[in-house]
Amino acid sequence: MTLGVIRWHRFHGHLAADDKFSGVQKFHRHSVARIGGAGVGARLLLTMGAAALGFWFLGATLTRVDVPFVDELFRYGPVALALTVVAVGGVANAINIIDGFNGLAGMVGVMILAALGYVAYVLGDHLLWNVCIASVGAILGFFVWNYPRGLIFLGDGGAYLVGFLIGEVSVLLVGRHPEVSAWFPMLLVVYPVFETVFSIYRRKIVRDTSPGLPDALHLHTLIFRRIVRWAGGREAEALVRRNSATSPYLWLLCSASGAVCQGCWHLS
């Protein structure tokens, strides 16, 4: 499907392509389709609605965060539902926030889902293991066309879908297996979640602007500006290559947190 979107770009590009090259988060220099993932409408609200459906039909609900006294709140159904939809929606939005460079959100999603899938496999949870391995395969099918040349982008629909899968699997893994520490999935997503929280703080508290306004102060943008562009020089290589050279720095950060988490996922 991804190859088809790229191949027949001329038929749908006028509707589905990003052909605006100005802006603090723009690095591409040719029209690129933004339908690497299926559109989900009013992004955050519908993602939270999907989490609510998971709550009712799958029993996907937060039951604990392994924090004394706070866990008592999860005994109340409305509180558990509210915190579940906020958590899943927040993770989905966090993946969308980091979707700024070729290969970044896709590979981060692969790493997180692979770590979740590994634990599900060890625990013999075939449902979650199958969801994770299928999701990893699907994202990699997109990744080979997104990185390094940026022939297609995830778009909001794709980024939110990857984040939703991560959030739902995390909730189900902790809920179905009391021996799994609630801190395990939280630490796995620490990079995109911290990026989101800090972005809200920076925009709303520091700059007194809307949290939804884009800026060029994300960690991935700063790495591009301070390390990749500086090291390569202004004319040393094409802009797309410098774009793609940024993502591995963040892959390393994400893989480091994943490696630490694999050693401490089990409650003693």
Protein backbone atom coordinates (compact mmCIF):
# COMPACT_ATOMS: atom_id res chain seq x y z
CA MET A 1 0.00 0.00 0.00
CA THR A 2 2.83 2.35 0.86
CA LEU A 3 4.55 1.66 -2.46
CA GLY A 4 1.26 2.29 -4.25
CA VAL A 5 0.81 5.65 -2.52
CA ILE A 6 4.31 6.68 -3.67
CA ARG A 7 3.95 5.29 -7.19
CA TRP A 8 0.59 6.95 -7.93
CA HIS A 9 1.33 10.21 -6.19
CA ARG A 10 0.27 12.21 -9.24
CA PHE A 11 -3.32 11.01 -8.88
CA HIS A 12 -3.85 11.94 -5.22
CA GLY A 13 -1.09 14.46 -4.53
CA HIS A 14 -3.38 17.45 -4.92
CA LEU A 15 -5.44 16.12 -2.03
CA ALA A 16 -3.02 14.25 0.22
CA ALA A 17 0.43 15.75 -0.28
CA ASP A 18 2.47 18.17 1.81
CA ASP A 19 3.68 20.65 -0.78
CA LYS A 20 4.41 23.55 1.56
CA PHE A 21 8.11 23.94 2.12
CA SER A 22 8.21 26.90 4.50
CA GLY A 23 7.89 26.57 8.26
CA VAL A 24 10.05 25.78 11.25
CA GLN A 25 9.44 22.02 10.94
CA LYS A 26 9.78 21.73 7.15
CA PHE A 27 12.84 20.03 5.67
CA HIS A 28 11.57 18.37 2.50
CA ARG A 29 11.95 20.07 -0.88
CA HIS A 30 9.48 18.11 -2.99
CA SER A 31 5.81 17.20 -2.68
CA VAL A 32 5.42 14.23 -0.28
CA ALA A 33 2.26 12.27 0.56
CA ARG A 34 1.14 12.53 4.18
CA ILE A 35 -1.01 9.41 4.20
CA GLY A 36 1.52 6.82 5.36
CA GLY A 37 -1.07 6.00 8.04
CA ALA A 38 -4.84 6.01 7.88
CA GLY A 39 -6.45 9.32 8.87
CA VAL A 40 -8.38 9.30 12.13
CA GLY A 41 -10.19 12.66 11.98
CA ALA A 42 -10.04 14.86 15.04
CA ARG A 43 -6.81 13.25 16.18
CA LEU A 44 -6.50 13.47 19.94
CA LEU A 45 -10.20 13.30 20.84
CA LEU A 46 -10.85 10.33 18.58
CA THR A 47 -7.76 8.57 19.90
CA MET A 48 -9.08 9.01 23.42
CA GLY A 49 -12.46 7.75 22.18
CA ALA A 50 -10.75 4.67 20.80
CA ALA A 51 -9.13 4.14 24.20
CA ALA A 52 -12.59 4.33 25.77
CA LEU A 53 -13.80 1.63 23.39
CA GLY A 54 -10.84 -0.49 24.45
CA PHE A 55 -11.85 0.10 28.06
CA TRP A 56 -15.37 -1.23 27.46
CA PHE A 57 -14.76 -4.01 24.92
CA LEU A 58 -11.26 -5.25 25.76
CA GLY A 59 -11.05 -4.45 29.44
CA ALA A 60 -8.02 -2.30 28.62
CA THR A 61 -7.93 -0.20 31.76
CA LEU A 62 -5.21 1.15 33.98
CA THR A 63 -5.39 -0.67 37.31
CA ARG A 64 -2.24 0.67 38.93
CA VAL A 65 0.84 2.81 38.49
CA ASP A 66 2.72 1.18 41.37
CA VAL A 67 2.67 4.37 43.42
CA PRO A 68 1.42 4.09 47.04
CA PHE A 69 -1.98 5.69 47.72
CA VAL A 70 -2.37 6.68 44.05
CA ASP A 71 -3.24 3.10 43.13
CA GLU A 72 -6.25 3.33 45.42
CA LEU A 73 -7.88 5.76 42.97
CA PHE A 74 -8.06 3.07 40.30
CA ARG A 75 -10.67 1.21 42.31
CA TYR A 76 -13.23 3.75 41.09
CA GLY A 77 -14.39 2.98 37.56
CA PRO A 78 -14.86 6.57 36.31
CA VAL A 79 -11.39 7.53 37.58
CA ALA A 80 -9.79 4.49 35.94
CA LEU A 81 -11.57 5.27 32.65
CA ALA A 82 -10.53 8.93 32.69
CA LEU A 83 -6.89 8.15 33.46
CA THR A 84 -6.81 5.39 30.84
CA VAL A 85 -8.07 7.56 27.98
CA VAL A 86 -5.74 10.40 28.99
CA ALA A 87 -2.75 8.04 29.17
CA VAL A 88 -3.40 6.36 25.82
CA GLY A 89 -4.23 9.66 24.12
CA GLY A 90 -1.13 11.22 25.62
CA VAL A 91 1.16 8.50 24.31
CA ALA A 92 -0.42 8.75 20.86
CA ASN A 93 0.12 12.51 20.83
CA ALA A 94 3.70 12.04 22.06
CA ILE A 95 4.57 9.85 19.06
CA ASN A 96 3.04 12.49 16.79
CA ILE A 97 5.17 15.18 18.46
CA ILE A 98 8.44 13.40 17.63
CA ASP A 99 7.42 12.70 14.03
CA GLY A 100 9.63 15.44 12.65
CA PHE A 101 12.51 13.70 10.85
CA ASN A 102 12.84 10.79 8.47
CA GLY A 103 12.79 7.50 10.34
CA LEU A 104 12.39 8.98 13.82
CA ALA A 105 8.84 8.14 14.91
CA GLY A 106 8.81 4.90 12.91
CA MET A 107 11.94 3.41 14.46
CA VAL A 108 11.07 4.64 17.95
CA GLY A 109 7.72 2.89 17.56
CA VAL A 110 9.46 -0.29 16.43
CA MET A 111 11.80 -0.25 19.43
CA ILE A 112 9.03 0.30 21.97
CA LEU A 113 6.69 -2.29 20.47
CA ALA A 114 9.53 -4.80 20.19
CA ALA A 115 10.31 -4.37 23.90
CA LEU A 116 6.64 -4.76 24.84
CA GLY A 117 6.36 -7.78 22.56
CA TYR A 118 9.41 -9.42 24.10
CA VAL A 119 7.90 -9.25 27.60
CA ALA A 120 4.54 -10.50 26.28
CA TYR A 121 6.36 -13.43 24.67
CA VAL A 122 8.20 -14.28 27.88
CA LEU A 123 4.88 -14.23 29.75
CA GLY A 124 3.18 -16.41 27.14
CA ASP A 125 0.64 -13.73 26.21
CA HIS A 126 0.14 -14.70 22.58
CA LEU A 127 -2.46 -12.02 21.86
CA LEU A 128 -0.20 -9.12 22.80
CA TRP A 129 2.87 -10.79 21.31
CA ASN A 130 1.07 -11.19 17.97
CA VAL A 131 -0.17 -7.58 18.05
CA CYS A 132 3.35 -6.31 18.71
CA ILE A 133 5.13 -8.40 16.09
CA ALA A 134 2.48 -7.60 13.46
CA SER A 135 2.76 -3.89 14.26
CA VAL A 136 6.55 -3.99 14.06
CA GLY A 137 6.36 -5.67 10.65
CA ALA A 138 3.84 -3.12 9.40
CA ILE A 139 5.90 -0.15 10.58
CA LEU A 140 9.07 -1.58 9.03
CA GLY A 141 7.19 -1.88 5.73
CA PHE A 142 6.64 1.87 5.93
CA PHE A 143 10.12 2.58 7.31
CA VAL A 144 12.04 1.31 4.28
CA TRP A 145 10.35 3.99 2.15
CA ASN A 146 10.51 6.74 4.77
CA TYR A 147 14.18 6.36 5.69
CA PRO A 148 16.55 7.76 4.58
CA ARG A 149 15.04 9.49 1.54
CA GLY A 150 11.66 10.50 2.95
CA LEU A 151 9.58 9.24 0.03
CA ILE A 152 6.51 9.14 2.27
CA PHE A 153 5.55 10.48 5.70
CA LEU A 154 3.48 8.86 8.45
CA GLY A 155 1.27 11.91 8.77
CA ASP A 156 -0.94 12.52 11.78
CA GLY A 157 -3.02 9.40 11.17
CA GLY A 158 0.00 7.10 11.07
CA ALA A 159 1.76 8.68 14.06
CA TYR A 160 -1.39 8.58 16.18
CA LEU A 161 -2.03 4.97 15.16
CA VAL A 162 1.47 3.88 16.22
CA GLY A 163 1.11 5.76 19.50
CA PHE A 164 -2.34 4.26 20.11
CA LEU A 165 -1.00 0.74 19.62
CA ILE A 166 1.80 1.41 22.09
CA GLY A 167 -0.63 2.83 24.64
CA GLU A 168 -3.18 0.02 24.35
CA VAL A 169 -0.59 -2.76 24.50
CA SER A 170 1.01 -1.12 27.53
CA VAL A 171 -2.31 -0.87 29.37
CA LEU A 172 -3.24 -4.46 28.54
CA LEU A 173 0.19 -5.84 29.44
CA VAL A 174 0.16 -4.29 32.91
CA GLY A 175 -3.52 -5.08 33.47
CA ARG A 176 -3.29 -8.74 32.40
CA HIS A 177 -0.04 -9.50 34.22
CA PRO A 178 0.30 -8.36 37.85
CA GLU A 179 3.98 -9.33 37.82
CA VAL A 180 4.80 -6.62 35.26
CA SER A 181 5.85 -3.32 36.80
CA ALA A 182 3.71 -0.38 35.71
CA TRP A 183 6.93 1.58 35.41
CA PHE A 184 8.14 -0.65 32.58
CA PRO A 185 5.96 0.83 29.79
CA MET A 186 6.22 4.31 31.32
CA LEU A 187 10.01 4.20 31.10
CA LEU A 188 9.86 2.82 27.56
CA VAL A 189 7.99 5.92 26.37
CA VAL A 190 9.94 8.39 28.50
CA TYR A 191 11.58 10.10 25.49
CA PRO A 192 8.42 10.98 23.49
CA VAL A 193 6.37 11.70 26.63
CA PHE A 194 9.03 13.99 28.11
CA GLU A 195 9.29 15.76 24.76
CA THR A 196 5.53 16.38 24.84
CA VAL A 197 5.37 17.57 28.44
CA PHE A 198 8.34 19.87 27.99
CA SER A 199 6.84 21.26 24.77
CA ILE A 200 3.62 22.13 26.60
CA TYR A 201 5.60 23.76 29.41
CA ARG A 202 7.80 25.70 26.98
CA ARG A 203 4.92 27.00 24.89
CA LYS A 204 2.34 27.68 27.59
CA ILE A 205 4.38 28.65 30.66
CA VAL A 206 7.59 30.09 29.22
CA ARG A 207 6.27 31.71 26.03
CA ASP A 208 2.58 32.08 26.94
CA THR A 209 1.43 30.75 23.56
CA SER A 210 -0.89 27.93 22.53
CA PRO A 211 0.54 24.44 23.22
CA GLY A 212 -0.64 23.47 19.73
CA LEU A 213 1.55 25.97 17.89
CA PRO A 214 4.64 24.44 16.20
CA ASP A 215 8.14 25.63 17.02
CA ALA A 216 11.73 24.65 16.27
CA LEU A 217 12.81 23.79 19.81
CA HIS A 218 12.10 20.06 19.96
CA LEU A 219 15.04 17.87 20.93
CA HIS A 220 15.27 16.42 17.42
CA THR A 221 15.32 19.92 15.92
CA LEU A 222 18.01 21.09 18.32
CA ILE A 223 20.16 18.05 17.50
CA PHE A 224 19.78 18.85 13.82
CA ARG A 225 20.70 22.50 14.29
CA ARG A 226 23.47 22.12 16.85
CA ILE A 227 25.14 18.85 15.85
CA VAL A 228 24.19 17.52 12.42
CA ARG A 229 24.06 20.78 10.48
CA TRP A 230 27.13 22.12 12.27
CA ALA A 231 29.16 18.96 11.68
CA GLY A 232 28.18 18.72 8.02
CA GLY A 233 28.43 22.37 7.15
CA ARG A 234 25.85 24.33 5.25
CA GLU A 235 26.72 23.02 1.81
CA ALA A 236 28.43 19.72 2.70
CA GLU A 237 25.45 17.54 1.79
CA ALA A 238 21.85 17.69 0.71
CA LEU A 239 19.22 18.77 3.21
CA VAL A 240 17.50 15.38 3.10
CA ARG A 241 20.70 13.60 4.09
CA ARG A 242 21.22 15.90 7.05
CA ASN A 243 17.59 15.32 8.00
CA SER A 244 18.11 11.55 8.02
CA ALA A 245 21.39 11.83 9.93
CA THR A 246 19.49 13.30 12.89
CA SER A 247 17.28 10.33 13.71
CA PRO A 248 20.02 7.85 14.80
CA TYR A 249 20.90 10.13 17.75
CA LEU A 250 17.35 9.74 19.05
CA TRP A 251 17.28 6.02 18.25
CA LEU A 252 20.26 5.65 20.54
CA LEU A 253 18.46 7.53 23.31
CA CYS A 254 15.35 5.38 22.94
CA SER A 255 17.29 2.12 22.75
CA ALA A 256 19.18 3.03 25.93
CA SER A 257 15.95 3.42 27.89
CA GLY A 258 14.65 0.18 26.37
CA ALA A 259 17.77 -1.72 27.37
CA VAL A 260 17.46 -0.52 30.96
CA CYS A 261 13.77 -1.40 31.08
CA GLN A 262 14.34 -4.98 29.93
CA GLY A 263 16.25 -5.65 33.11
CA CYS A 264 13.61 -4.29 35.49
CA TRP A 265 10.19 -5.09 34.02
CA HIS A 266 9.40 -7.84 36.51
CA LEU A 267 8.12 -6.97 39.97
CA SER A 268 10.15 -8.73 42.63
